[in-house]
């Protein structure tokens, strides 16, 4: 008996050597910044500190030829962050690739080979 393919999920991560250029968390962070206009608000919405969100963005910004996010300093009501055209494109491409991986016919075949109830490892 095989499990339904909808019980499986894929997690696409684009790697450059050992660095995650963009993965599910970084893509969600980009989307949250686009929605909130703020690195700190995006981080809070994901349960992470501003420092962690900034580190993830800094890593992504250094992995691409042009920055994905532009932040402006300014304190309450004056600062903000926005995706650059490159950031919007990277997020769109990543989401499209992730959706294709999740819908791949190979996923259904893999699902047919997985045990309904995995056995205990020795």
PDB file of N, CA and C in Angstrom:
ATOM      1  N   UNK A   1       0.848  -1.174   0.000  1.00  0.00           N
ATOM      2  CA  UNK A   1       0.000   0.000   0.000  1.00  0.00           C
ATOM      3  C   UNK A   1       0.898   1.243   0.000  1.00  0.00           C
ATOM      4  N   UNK A   2       0.580   2.198  -0.830  1.00  0.00           N
ATOM      5  CA  UNK A   2       1.390   3.416  -0.909  1.00  0.00           C
ATOM      6  C   UNK A   2       0.689   4.567  -0.201  1.00  0.00           C
ATOM      7  N   UNK A   3       1.477   5.562   0.158  1.00  0.00           N
ATOM      8  CA  UNK A   3       0.898   6.733   0.821  1.00  0.00           C
ATOM      9  C   UNK A   3       0.469   7.747  -0.230  1.00  0.00           C
ATOM     10  N   UNK A   4      -0.502   8.591   0.069  1.00  0.00           N
ATOM     11  CA  UNK A   4      -0.910   9.627  -0.885  1.00  0.00           C
ATOM     12  C   UNK A   4       0.218  10.649  -1.063  1.00  0.00           C
ATOM     13  N   UNK A   5       0.488  11.076  -2.294  1.00  0.00           N
ATOM     14  CA  UNK A   5       1.567  12.037  -2.533  1.00  0.00           C
ATOM     15  C   UNK A   5       1.399  13.347  -1.774  1.00  0.00           C
ATOM     16  N   UNK A   6       0.166  13.704  -1.407  1.00  0.00           N
ATOM     17  CA  UNK A   6      -0.020  14.977  -0.700  1.00  0.00           C
ATOM     18  C   UNK A   6       0.495  14.928   0.740  1.00  0.00           C
ATOM     19  N   UNK A   7       0.882  13.747   1.220  1.00  0.00           N
ATOM     20  CA  UNK A   7       1.497  13.651   2.544  1.00  0.00           C
ATOM     21  C   UNK A   7       2.987  13.980   2.485  1.00  0.00           C
ATOM     22  N   UNK A   8       3.548  14.003   1.302  1.00  0.00           N
ATOM     23  CA  UNK A   8       4.962  14.347   1.137  1.00  0.00           C
ATOM     24  C   UNK A   8       5.088  15.821   0.792  1.00  0.00           C
ATOM     25  N   UNK A   9       6.202  16.406   1.139  1.00  0.00           N
ATOM     26  CA  UNK A   9       6.463  17.778   0.720  1.00  0.00           C
ATOM     27  C   UNK A   9       7.929  17.906   0.353  1.00  0.00           C
ATOM     28  N   UNK A  10       8.199  18.817  -0.523  1.00  0.00           N
ATOM     29  CA  UNK A  10       9.572  19.087  -0.928  1.00  0.00           C
ATOM     30  C   UNK A  10      10.031  20.365  -0.252  1.00  0.00           C
ATOM     31  N   UNK A  11      11.334  20.517  -0.110  1.00  0.00           N
ATOM     32  CA  UNK A  11      11.924  21.729   0.458  1.00  0.00           C
ATOM     33  C   UNK A  11      13.090  22.109  -0.441  1.00  0.00           C
ATOM     34  N   UNK A  12      12.843  23.019  -1.343  1.00  0.00           N
ATOM     35  CA  UNK A  12      13.849  23.443  -2.299  1.00  0.00           C
ATOM     36  C   UNK A  12      14.833  24.393  -1.629  1.00  0.00           C
ATOM     37  N   UNK A  13      16.118  24.100  -1.770  1.00  0.00           N
ATOM     38  CA  UNK A  13      17.178  24.984  -1.291  1.00  0.00           C
ATOM     39  C   UNK A  13      18.193  25.131  -2.404  1.00  0.00           C
ATOM     40  N   UNK A  14      18.472  26.367  -2.774  1.00  0.00           N
ATOM     41  CA  UNK A  14      19.511  26.622  -3.767  1.00  0.00           C
ATOM     42  C   UNK A  14      20.804  26.888  -3.013  1.00  0.00           C
ATOM     43  N   UNK A  15      21.808  26.082  -3.299  1.00  0.00           N
ATOM     44  CA  UNK A  15      23.078  26.151  -2.579  1.00  0.00           C
ATOM     45  C   UNK A  15      24.172  26.676  -3.501  1.00  0.00           C
ATOM     46  N   UNK A  16      25.053  27.469  -2.934  1.00  0.00           N
ATOM     47  CA  UNK A  16      26.289  27.886  -3.591  1.00  0.00           C
ATOM     48  C   UNK A  16      27.392  27.394  -2.682  1.00  0.00           C
ATOM     49  N   UNK A  17      28.050  26.336  -3.105  1.00  0.00           N
ATOM     50  CA  UNK A  17      28.989  25.616  -2.245  1.00  0.00           C
ATOM     51  C   UNK A  17      28.234  25.185  -0.987  1.00  0.00           C
ATOM     52  N   UNK A  18      28.582  25.710   0.185  1.00  0.00           N
ATOM     53  CA  UNK A  18      27.906  25.307   1.421  1.00  0.00           C
ATOM     54  C   UNK A  18      26.920  26.361   1.916  1.00  0.00           C
ATOM     55  N   UNK A  19      26.728  27.418   1.153  1.00  0.00           N
ATOM     56  CA  UNK A  19      25.839  28.511   1.563  1.00  0.00           C
ATOM     57  C   UNK A  19      24.463  28.336   0.931  1.00  0.00           C
ATOM     58  N   UNK A  20      23.427  28.446   1.761  1.00  0.00           N
ATOM     59  CA  UNK A  20      22.063  28.440   1.236  1.00  0.00           C
ATOM     60  C   UNK A  20      21.808  29.829   0.663  1.00  0.00           C
ATOM     61  N   UNK A  21      21.727  29.915  -0.660  1.00  0.00           N
ATOM     62  CA  UNK A  21      21.469  31.189  -1.324  1.00  0.00           C
ATOM     63  C   UNK A  21      20.031  31.609  -1.068  1.00  0.00           C
ATOM     64  N   UNK A  22      19.109  30.693  -1.298  1.00  0.00           N
ATOM     65  CA  UNK A  22      17.694  30.935  -0.989  1.00  0.00           C
ATOM     66  C   UNK A  22      17.033  29.585  -0.747  1.00  0.00           C
ATOM     67  N   UNK A  23      16.208  29.555   0.274  1.00  0.00           N
ATOM     68  CA  UNK A  23      15.458  28.358   0.641  1.00  0.00           C
ATOM     69  C   UNK A  23      14.101  28.793   1.153  1.00  0.00           C
ATOM     70  N   UNK A  24      13.342  27.886   1.749  1.00  0.00           N
ATOM     71  CA  UNK A  24      11.989  28.220   2.179  1.00  0.00           C
ATOM     72  C   UNK A  24      11.932  29.372   3.184  1.00  0.00           C
ATOM     73  N   UNK A  25      12.797  29.379   4.158  1.00  0.00           N
ATOM     74  CA  UNK A  25      12.783  30.438   5.163  1.00  0.00           C
ATOM     75  C   UNK A  25      13.168  31.794   4.594  1.00  0.00           C
ATOM     76  N   UNK A  26      14.195  31.808   3.763  1.00  0.00           N
ATOM     77  CA  UNK A  26      14.629  33.068   3.153  1.00  0.00           C
ATOM     78  C   UNK A  26      13.567  33.592   2.186  1.00  0.00           C
ATOM     79  N   UNK A  27      12.918  32.699   1.455  1.00  0.00           N
ATOM     80  CA  UNK A  27      11.837  33.127   0.554  1.00  0.00           C
ATOM     81  C   UNK A  27      10.675  33.690   1.370  1.00  0.00           C
ATOM     82  N   UNK A  28      10.334  33.040   2.477  1.00  0.00           N
ATOM     83  CA  UNK A  28       9.261  33.553   3.336  1.00  0.00           C
ATOM     84  C   UNK A  28       9.634  34.919   3.905  1.00  0.00           C
ATOM     85  N   UNK A  29      10.913  35.109   4.242  1.00  0.00           N
ATOM     86  CA  UNK A  29      11.366  36.401   4.754  1.00  0.00           C
ATOM     87  C   UNK A  29      11.221  37.490   3.684  1.00  0.00           C
ATOM     88  N   UNK A  30      11.620  37.181   2.457  1.00  0.00           N
ATOM     89  CA  UNK A  30      11.449  38.148   1.372  1.00  0.00           C
ATOM     90  C   UNK A  30       9.972  38.510   1.202  1.00  0.00           C
ATOM     91  N   UNK A  31       9.109  37.513   1.231  1.00  0.00           N
ATOM     92  CA  UNK A  31       7.674  37.763   1.076  1.00  0.00           C
ATOM     93  C   UNK A  31       7.141  38.602   2.237  1.00  0.00           C
ATOM     94  N   UNK A  32       7.617  38.346   3.442  1.00  0.00           N
ATOM     95  CA  UNK A  32       7.172  39.114   4.609  1.00  0.00           C
ATOM     96  C   UNK A  32       7.652  40.561   4.523  1.00  0.00           C
ATOM     97  N   UNK A  33       8.849  40.782   4.015  1.00  0.00           N
ATOM     98  CA  UNK A  33       9.345  42.146   3.841  1.00  0.00           C
ATOM     99  C   UNK A  33       8.502  42.866   2.795  1.00  0.00           C
ATOM    100  N   UNK A  34       8.185  42.175   1.706  1.00  0.00           N
ATOM    101  CA  UNK A  34       7.332  42.776   0.681  1.00  0.00           C
ATOM    102  C   UNK A  34       5.969  43.147   1.265  1.00  0.00           C
ATOM    103  N   UNK A  35       5.445  42.323   2.159  1.00  0.00           N
ATOM    104  CA  UNK A  35       4.123  42.567   2.730  1.00  0.00           C
ATOM    105  C   UNK A  35       4.134  43.653   3.806  1.00  0.00           C
ATOM    106  N   UNK A  36       5.207  43.714   4.601  1.00  0.00           N
ATOM    107  CA  UNK A  36       5.226  44.630   5.742  1.00  0.00           C
ATOM    108  C   UNK A  36       6.010  45.908   5.492  1.00  0.00           C
ATOM    109  N   UNK A  37       6.951  45.876   4.543  1.00  0.00           N
ATOM    110  CA  UNK A  37       7.805  47.034   4.311  1.00  0.00           C
ATOM    111  C   UNK A  37       8.819  47.253   5.410  1.00  0.00           C
ATOM    112  N   UNK A  38       9.104  46.210   6.194  1.00  0.00           N
ATOM    113  CA  UNK A  38       9.986  46.345   7.344  1.00  0.00           C
ATOM    114  C   UNK A  38      10.704  45.035   7.623  1.00  0.00           C
ATOM    115  N   UNK A  39      12.007  45.126   7.868  1.00  0.00           N
ATOM    116  CA  UNK A  39      12.773  43.929   8.233  1.00  0.00           C
ATOM    117  C   UNK A  39      12.358  43.460   9.621  1.00  0.00           C
ATOM    118  N   UNK A  40      12.223  44.384  10.567  1.00  0.00           N
ATOM    119  CA  UNK A  40      11.872  43.982  11.930  1.00  0.00           C
ATOM    120  C   UNK A  40      10.457  43.393  11.982  1.00  0.00           C
ATOM    121  N   UNK A  41       9.504  44.000  11.287  1.00  0.00           N
ATOM    122  CA  UNK A  41       8.137  43.462  11.279  1.00  0.00           C
ATOM    123  C   UNK A  41       8.096  42.101  10.586  1.00  0.00           C
ATOM    124  N   UNK A  42       8.857  41.960   9.512  1.00  0.00           N
ATOM    125  CA  UNK A  42       8.911  40.667   8.820  1.00  0.00           C
ATOM    126  C   UNK A  42       9.490  39.604   9.739  1.00  0.00           C
ATOM    127  N   UNK A  43      10.581  39.939  10.419  1.00  0.00           N
ATOM    128  CA  UNK A  43      11.186  38.996  11.364  1.00  0.00           C
ATOM    129  C   UNK A  43      10.217  38.619  12.472  1.00  0.00           C
ATOM    130  N   UNK A  44       9.556  39.618  13.064  1.00  0.00           N
ATOM    131  CA  UNK A  44       8.583  39.342  14.133  1.00  0.00           C
ATOM    132  C   UNK A  44       7.471  38.421  13.644  1.00  0.00           C
ATOM    133  N   UNK A  45       7.005  38.654  12.417  1.00  0.00           N
ATOM    134  CA  UNK A  45       5.915  37.822  11.896  1.00  0.00           C
ATOM    135  C   UNK A  45       6.347  36.374  11.716  1.00  0.00           C
ATOM    136  N   UNK A  46       7.657  36.162  11.645  1.00  0.00           N
ATOM    137  CA  UNK A  46       8.191  34.807  11.479  1.00  0.00           C
ATOM    138  C   UNK A  46       8.777  34.260  12.773  1.00  0.00           C
ATOM    139  N   UNK A  47       8.667  35.036  13.853  1.00  0.00           N
ATOM    140  CA  UNK A  47       9.186  34.569  15.140  1.00  0.00           C
ATOM    141  C   UNK A  47      10.697  34.628  15.245  1.00  0.00           C
ATOM    142  N   UNK A  48      11.316  35.566  14.536  1.00  0.00           N
ATOM    143  CA  UNK A  48      12.776  35.690  14.622  1.00  0.00           C
ATOM    144  C   UNK A  48      13.160  37.111  14.981  1.00  0.00           C
ATOM    145  N   UNK A  49      14.352  37.246  15.493  1.00  0.00           N
ATOM    146  CA  UNK A  49      14.850  38.560  15.884  1.00  0.00           C
ATOM    147  C   UNK A  49      15.219  39.380  14.648  1.00  0.00           C
ATOM    148  N   UNK A  50      15.303  40.681  14.852  1.00  0.00           N
ATOM    149  CA  UNK A  50      15.772  41.562  13.782  1.00  0.00           C
ATOM    150  C   UNK A  50      17.178  41.148  13.355  1.00  0.00           C
ATOM    151  N   UNK A  51      18.023  40.810  14.327  1.00  0.00           N
ATOM    152  CA  UNK A  51      19.408  40.428  14.028  1.00  0.00           C
ATOM    153  C   UNK A  51      19.445  39.205  13.108  1.00  0.00           C
ATOM    154  N   UNK A  52      18.622  38.216  13.397  1.00  0.00           N
ATOM    155  CA  UNK A  52      18.573  37.005  12.566  1.00  0.00           C
ATOM    156  C   UNK A  52      18.049  37.335  11.168  1.00  0.00           C
ATOM    157  N   UNK A  53      16.987  38.128  11.097  1.00  0.00           N
ATOM    158  CA  UNK A  53      16.431  38.508   9.795  1.00  0.00           C
ATOM    159  C   UNK A  53      17.476  39.275   8.988  1.00  0.00           C
ATOM    160  N   UNK A  54      18.168  40.201   9.628  1.00  0.00           N
ATOM    161  CA  UNK A  54      19.188  40.989   8.935  1.00  0.00           C
ATOM    162  C   UNK A  54      20.321  40.089   8.439  1.00  0.00           C
ATOM    163  N   UNK A  55      20.733  39.119   9.252  1.00  0.00           N
ATOM    164  CA  UNK A  55      21.794  38.191   8.851  1.00  0.00           C
ATOM    165  C   UNK A  55      21.377  37.404   7.604  1.00  0.00           C
ATOM    166  N   UNK A  56      20.145  36.902   7.587  1.00  0.00           N
ATOM    167  CA  UNK A  56      19.665  36.145   6.427  1.00  0.00           C
ATOM    168  C   UNK A  56      19.638  37.028   5.175  1.00  0.00           C
ATOM    169  N   UNK A  57      19.167  38.262   5.334  1.00  0.00           N
ATOM    170  CA  UNK A  57      19.137  39.193   4.202  1.00  0.00           C
ATOM    171  C   UNK A  57      20.532  39.547   3.726  1.00  0.00           C
ATOM    172  N   UNK A  58      21.435  39.781   4.653  1.00  0.00           N
ATOM    173  CA  UNK A  58      22.802  40.123   4.297  1.00  0.00           C
ATOM    174  C   UNK A  58      23.447  38.979   3.505  1.00  0.00           C
ATOM    175  N   UNK A  59      23.194  37.751   3.929  1.00  0.00           N
ATOM    176  CA  UNK A  59      23.713  36.587   3.203  1.00  0.00           C
ATOM    177  C   UNK A  59      23.164  36.561   1.783  1.00  0.00           C
ATOM    178  N   UNK A  60      21.839  36.744   1.646  1.00  0.00           N
ATOM    179  CA  UNK A  60      21.241  36.740   0.306  1.00  0.00           C
ATOM    180  C   UNK A  60      21.782  37.892  -0.536  1.00  0.00           C
ATOM    181  N   UNK A  61      21.855  39.076   0.039  1.00  0.00           N
ATOM    182  CA  UNK A  61      22.343  40.235  -0.712  1.00  0.00           C
ATOM    183  C   UNK A  61      23.758  40.027  -1.226  1.00  0.00           C
ATOM    184  N   UNK A  62      24.577  39.291  -0.477  1.00  0.00           N
ATOM    185  CA  UNK A  62      25.953  39.028  -0.918  1.00  0.00           C
ATOM    186  C   UNK A  62      26.047  37.894  -1.939  1.00  0.00           C
ATOM    187  N   UNK A  63      25.005  37.078  -2.036  1.00  0.00           N
ATOM    188  CA  UNK A  63      25.027  35.946  -2.976  1.00  0.00           C
ATOM    189  C   UNK A  63      24.587  36.337  -4.383  1.00  0.00           C
ATOM    190  N   UNK A  64      23.937  37.472  -4.522  1.00  0.00           N
ATOM    191  CA  UNK A  64      23.433  37.891  -5.829  1.00  0.00           C
ATOM    192  C   UNK A  64      24.223  39.091  -6.335  1.00  0.00           C
ATOM    193  N   UNK A  65      24.210  39.287  -7.643  1.00  0.00           N
ATOM    194  CA  UNK A  65      24.969  40.376  -8.266  1.00  0.00           C
ATOM    195  C   UNK A  65      24.475  41.743  -7.810  1.00  0.00           C
ATOM    196  N   UNK A  66      23.182  41.855  -7.521  1.00  0.00           N
ATOM    197  CA  UNK A  66      22.615  43.096  -6.995  1.00  0.00           C
ATOM    198  C   UNK A  66      21.771  42.743  -5.765  1.00  0.00           C
ATOM    199  N   UNK A  67      21.604  43.685  -4.832  1.00  0.00           N
ATOM    200  CA  UNK A  67      20.852  43.389  -3.605  1.00  0.00           C
ATOM    201  C   UNK A  67      19.402  43.001  -3.883  1.00  0.00           C
ATOM    202  N   UNK A  68      18.857  42.169  -2.998  1.00  0.00           N
ATOM    203  CA  UNK A  68      17.461  41.752  -3.094  1.00  0.00           C
ATOM    204  C   UNK A  68      16.555  42.667  -2.287  1.00  0.00           C
ATOM    205  N   UNK A  69      17.126  43.312  -1.273  1.00  0.00           N
ATOM    206  CA  UNK A  69      16.359  44.188  -0.387  1.00  0.00           C
ATOM    207  C   UNK A  69      17.141  45.470  -0.176  1.00  0.00           C
ATOM    208  N   UNK A  70      16.431  46.579  -0.201  1.00  0.00           N
ATOM    209  CA  UNK A  70      17.006  47.885   0.123  1.00  0.00           C
ATOM    210  C   UNK A  70      16.330  48.350   1.411  1.00  0.00           C
ATOM    211  N   UNK A  71      17.146  48.685   2.408  1.00  0.00           N
ATOM    212  CA  UNK A  71      16.619  49.180   3.675  1.00  0.00           C
ATOM    213  C   UNK A  71      17.007  50.646   3.831  1.00  0.00           C
ATOM    214  N   UNK A  72      16.087  51.420   4.384  1.00  0.00           N
ATOM    215  CA  UNK A  72      16.375  52.821   4.684  1.00  0.00           C
ATOM    216  C   UNK A  72      16.316  52.998   6.192  1.00  0.00           C
ATOM    217  N   UNK A  73      17.288  53.714   6.739  1.00  0.00           N
ATOM    218  CA  UNK A  73      17.352  53.954   8.177  1.00  0.00           C
ATOM    219  C   UNK A  73      16.380  55.061   8.542  1.00  0.00           C
ATOM    220  N   UNK A  74      15.982  55.059   9.812  1.00  0.00           N
ATOM    221  CA  UNK A  74      15.149  56.173  10.183  1.00  0.00           C
ATOM    222  C   UNK A  74      14.333  56.046  11.438  1.00  0.00           C
ATOM    223  N   UNK A  75      14.314  54.970  12.130  1.00  0.00           N
ATOM    224  CA  UNK A  75      13.517  54.913  13.352  1.00  0.00           C
ATOM    225  C   UNK A  75      12.035  54.759  13.065  1.00  0.00           C
ATOM    226  N   UNK A  76      11.235  54.873  14.099  1.00  0.00           N
ATOM    227  CA  UNK A  76       9.790  54.619  14.014  1.00  0.00           C
ATOM    228  C   UNK A  76       9.132  55.549  12.992  1.00  0.00           C
ATOM    229  N   UNK A  77       8.457  54.933  12.039  1.00  0.00           N
ATOM    230  CA  UNK A  77       7.719  55.687  11.044  1.00  0.00           C
ATOM    231  C   UNK A  77       8.539  56.263   9.908  1.00  0.00           C
ATOM    232  N   UNK A  78       9.859  56.140   9.965  1.00  0.00           N
ATOM    233  CA  UNK A  78      10.688  56.757   8.934  1.00  0.00           C
ATOM    234  C   UNK A  78      11.529  55.762   8.145  1.00  0.00           C
ATOM    235  N   UNK A  79      11.851  54.644   8.732  1.00  0.00           N
ATOM    236  CA  UNK A  79      12.664  53.650   8.041  1.00  0.00           C
ATOM    237  C   UNK A  79      11.784  52.700   7.257  1.00  0.00           C
ATOM    238  N   UNK A  80      12.405  51.716   6.684  1.00  0.00           N
ATOM    239  CA  UNK A  80      11.634  50.714   5.961  1.00  0.00           C
ATOM    240  C   UNK A  80      12.527  49.864   5.107  1.00  0.00           C
ATOM    241  N   UNK A  81      11.929  48.926   4.445  1.00  0.00           N
ATOM    242  CA  UNK A  81      12.651  48.027   3.557  1.00  0.00           C
ATOM    243  C   UNK A  81      11.722  47.636   2.419  1.00  0.00           C
ATOM    244  N   UNK A  82      12.330  47.404   1.271  1.00  0.00           N
ATOM    245  CA  UNK A  82      11.540  46.970   0.118  1.00  0.00           C
ATOM    246  C   UNK A  82      12.379  46.037  -0.727  1.00  0.00           C
ATOM    247  N   UNK A  83      11.692  45.168  -1.435  1.00  0.00           N
ATOM    248  CA  UNK A  83      12.370  44.297  -2.381  1.00  0.00           C
ATOM    249  C   UNK A  83      12.757  45.110  -3.603  1.00  0.00           C
ATOM    250  N   UNK A  84      13.937  44.858  -4.099  1.00  0.00           N
ATOM    251  CA  UNK A  84      14.367  45.449  -5.360  1.00  0.00           C
ATOM    252  C   UNK A  84      13.730  44.643  -6.484  1.00  0.00           C
ATOM    253  N   UNK A  85      13.820  45.123  -7.721  1.00  0.00           N
ATOM    254  CA  UNK A  85      13.334  44.294  -8.831  1.00  0.00           C
ATOM    255  C   UNK A  85      14.007  42.916  -8.858  1.00  0.00           C
ATOM    256  N   UNK A  86      15.286  42.868  -8.511  1.00  0.00           N
ATOM    257  CA  UNK A  86      15.976  41.562  -8.446  1.00  0.00           C
ATOM    258  C   UNK A  86      15.367  40.709  -7.346  1.00  0.00           C
ATOM    259  N   UNK A  87      15.083  41.307  -6.191  1.00  0.00           N
ATOM    260  CA  UNK A  87      14.465  40.567  -5.095  1.00  0.00           C
ATOM    261  C   UNK A  87      13.109  40.019  -5.476  1.00  0.00           C
ATOM    262  N   UNK A  88      12.306  40.824  -6.152  1.00  0.00           N
ATOM    263  CA  UNK A  88      10.992  40.364  -6.609  1.00  0.00           C
ATOM    264  C   UNK A  88      11.138  39.210  -7.589  1.00  0.00           C
ATOM    265  N   UNK A  89      12.119  39.322  -8.481  1.00  0.00           N
ATOM    266  CA  UNK A  89      12.336  38.270  -9.492  1.00  0.00           C
ATOM    267  C   UNK A  89      12.823  36.979  -8.844  1.00  0.00           C
ATOM    268  N   UNK A  90      13.772  37.099  -7.914  1.00  0.00           N
ATOM    269  CA  UNK A  90      14.290  35.911  -7.215  1.00  0.00           C
ATOM    270  C   UNK A  90      13.165  35.216  -6.461  1.00  0.00           C
ATOM    271  N   UNK A  91      12.343  35.985  -5.750  1.00  0.00           N
ATOM    272  CA  UNK A  91      11.227  35.387  -5.012  1.00  0.00           C
ATOM    273  C   UNK A  91      10.265  34.691  -5.969  1.00  0.00           C
ATOM    274  N   UNK A  92       9.926  35.329  -7.073  1.00  0.00           N
ATOM    275  CA  UNK A  92       9.019  34.711  -8.045  1.00  0.00           C
ATOM    276  C   UNK A  92       9.586  33.444  -8.659  1.00  0.00           C
ATOM    277  N   UNK A  93      10.866  33.493  -9.032  1.00  0.00           N
ATOM    278  CA  UNK A  93      11.509  32.307  -9.611  1.00  0.00           C
ATOM    279  C   UNK A  93      11.589  31.171  -8.602  1.00  0.00           C
ATOM    280  N   UNK A  94      11.955  31.509  -7.366  1.00  0.00           N
ATOM    281  CA  UNK A  94      12.048  30.481  -6.325  1.00  0.00           C
ATOM    282  C   UNK A  94      10.686  29.823  -6.094  1.00  0.00           C
ATOM    283  N   UNK A  95       9.635  30.641  -5.956  1.00  0.00           N
ATOM    284  CA  UNK A  95       8.291  30.090  -5.715  1.00  0.00           C
ATOM    285  C   UNK A  95       7.852  29.201  -6.882  1.00  0.00           C
ATOM    286  N   UNK A  96       8.155  29.605  -8.111  1.00  0.00           N
ATOM    287  CA  UNK A  96       7.789  28.795  -9.282  1.00  0.00           C
ATOM    288  C   UNK A  96       8.533  27.465  -9.279  1.00  0.00           C
ATOM    289  N   UNK A  97       9.833  27.498  -8.980  1.00  0.00           N
ATOM    290  CA  UNK A  97      10.623  26.266  -8.943  1.00  0.00           C
ATOM    291  C   UNK A  97      10.152  25.354  -7.822  1.00  0.00           C
ATOM    292  N   UNK A  98       9.835  25.930  -6.672  1.00  0.00           N
ATOM    293  CA  UNK A  98       9.368  25.144  -5.536  1.00  0.00           C
ATOM    294  C   UNK A  98       8.038  24.466  -5.870  1.00  0.00           C
ATOM    295  N   UNK A  99       7.151  25.183  -6.520  1.00  0.00           N
ATOM    296  CA  UNK A  99       5.855  24.611  -6.909  1.00  0.00           C
ATOM    297  C   UNK A  99       6.037  23.489  -7.926  1.00  0.00           C
ATOM    298  N   UNK A 100       6.969  23.667  -8.859  1.00  0.00           N
ATOM    299  CA  UNK A 100       7.221  22.620  -9.849  1.00  0.00           C
ATOM    300  C   UNK A 100       7.772  21.368  -9.183  1.00  0.00           C
ATOM    301  N   UNK A 101       8.664  21.540  -8.213  1.00  0.00           N
ATOM    302  CA  UNK A 101       9.231  20.388  -7.515  1.00  0.00           C
ATOM    303  C   UNK A 101       8.140  19.632  -6.759  1.00  0.00           C
ATOM    304  N   UNK A 102       7.225  20.374  -6.125  1.00  0.00           N
ATOM    305  CA  UNK A 102       6.146  19.747  -5.363  1.00  0.00           C
ATOM    306  C   UNK A 102       5.158  19.023  -6.270  1.00  0.00           C
ATOM    307  N   UNK A 103       5.032  19.470  -7.521  1.00  0.00           N
ATOM    308  CA  UNK A 103       4.070  18.866  -8.445  1.00  0.00           C
ATOM    309  C   UNK A 103       4.721  17.852  -9.387  1.00  0.00           C
ATOM    310  N   UNK A 104       5.988  17.600  -9.214  1.00  0.00           N
ATOM    311  CA  UNK A 104       6.706  16.702 -10.127  1.00  0.00           C
ATOM    312  C   UNK A 104       6.108  15.297 -10.092  1.00  0.00           C
ATOM    313  N   UNK A 105       5.993  14.677 -11.260  1.00  0.00           N
ATOM    314  CA  UNK A 105       5.450  13.314 -11.296  1.00  0.00           C
ATOM    315  C   UNK A 105       6.311  12.330 -10.506  1.00  0.00           C
ATOM    316  N   UNK A 106       7.583  12.641 -10.358  1.00  0.00           N
ATOM    317  CA  UNK A 106       8.464  11.768  -9.585  1.00  0.00           C
ATOM    318  C   UNK A 106       8.032  11.689  -8.122  1.00  0.00           C
ATOM    319  N   UNK A 107       7.391  12.755  -7.624  1.00  0.00           N
ATOM    320  CA  UNK A 107       6.939  12.752  -6.233  1.00  0.00           C
ATOM    321  C   UNK A 107       5.887  11.667  -6.008  1.00  0.00           C
ATOM    322  N   UNK A 108       4.988  11.508  -6.964  1.00  0.00           N
ATOM    323  CA  UNK A 108       3.970  10.451  -6.857  1.00  0.00           C
ATOM    324  C   UNK A 108       4.616   9.074  -6.873  1.00  0.00           C
ATOM    325  N   UNK A 109       5.627   8.908  -7.727  1.00  0.00           N
ATOM    326  CA  UNK A 109       6.319   7.613  -7.771  1.00  0.00           C
ATOM    327  C   UNK A 109       7.052   7.353  -6.467  1.00  0.00           C
ATOM    328  N   UNK A 110       7.731   8.369  -5.941  1.00  0.00           N
ATOM    329  CA  UNK A 110       8.404   8.207  -4.646  1.00  0.00           C
ATOM    330  C   UNK A 110       7.401   7.853  -3.559  1.00  0.00           C
ATOM    331  N   UNK A 111       6.248   8.497  -3.571  1.00  0.00           N
ATOM    332  CA  UNK A 111       5.215   8.216  -2.575  1.00  0.00           C
ATOM    333  C   UNK A 111       4.787   6.755  -2.632  1.00  0.00           C
ATOM    334  N   UNK A 112       4.748   6.201  -3.827  1.00  0.00           N
ATOM    335  CA  UNK A 112       4.337   4.797  -3.962  1.00  0.00           C
ATOM    336  C   UNK A 112       5.373   3.832  -3.396  1.00  0.00           C
ATOM    337  N   UNK A 113       6.590   4.301  -3.199  1.00  0.00           N
ATOM    338  CA  UNK A 113       7.662   3.441  -2.691  1.00  0.00           C
ATOM    339  C   UNK A 113       7.885   3.586  -1.187  1.00  0.00           C
ATOM    340  N   UNK A 114       7.257   4.576  -0.575  1.00  0.00           N
ATOM    341  CA  UNK A 114       7.461   4.840   0.852  1.00  0.00           C
ATOM    342  C   UNK A 114       6.466   4.033   1.666  1.00  0.00           C
ATOM    343  N   UNK A 115       6.945   3.483   2.777  1.00  0.00           N
ATOM    344  CA  UNK A 115       6.088   2.689   3.661  1.00  0.00           C
ATOM    345  C   UNK A 115       5.053   3.571   4.331  1.00  0.00           C
ATOM    346  N   UNK A 116       3.838   3.072   4.451  1.00  0.00           N
ATOM    347  CA  UNK A 116       2.763   3.811   5.119  1.00  0.00           C
ATOM    348  C   UNK A 116       3.159   4.139   6.557  1.00  0.00           C
ATOM    349  N   UNK A 117       3.718   3.169   7.229  1.00  0.00           N
ATOM    350  CA  UNK A 117       4.213   3.350   8.594  1.00  0.00           C
ATOM    351  C   UNK A 117       5.677   2.913   8.623  1.00  0.00           C
ATOM    352  N   UNK A 118       6.595   3.882   8.643  1.00  0.00           N
ATOM    353  CA  UNK A 118       8.014   3.505   8.658  1.00  0.00           C
ATOM    354  C   UNK A 118       8.351   2.634   9.854  1.00  0.00           C
ATOM    355  N   UNK A 119       9.248   1.695   9.640  1.00  0.00           N
ATOM    356  CA  UNK A 119       9.692   0.824  10.715  1.00  0.00           C
ATOM    357  C   UNK A 119      10.774   1.531  11.535  1.00  0.00           C
ATOM    358  N   UNK A 120      10.991   1.041  12.735  1.00  0.00           N
ATOM    359  CA  UNK A 120      12.031   1.588  13.610  1.00  0.00           C
ATOM    360  C   UNK A 120      13.412   1.306  13.029  1.00  0.00           C
ATOM    361  N   UNK A 121      14.290   2.271  13.127  1.00  0.00           N
ATOM    362  CA  UNK A 121      15.676   2.055  12.680  1.00  0.00           C
ATOM    363  C   UNK A 121      16.370   1.166  13.716  1.00  0.00           C
ATOM    364  N   UNK A 122      17.300   0.332  13.250  1.00  0.00           N
ATOM    365  CA  UNK A 122      17.992  -0.577  14.196  1.00  0.00           C
ATOM    366  C   UNK A 122      18.851   0.182  15.187  1.00  0.00           C
TER     367      UNK A 122
END
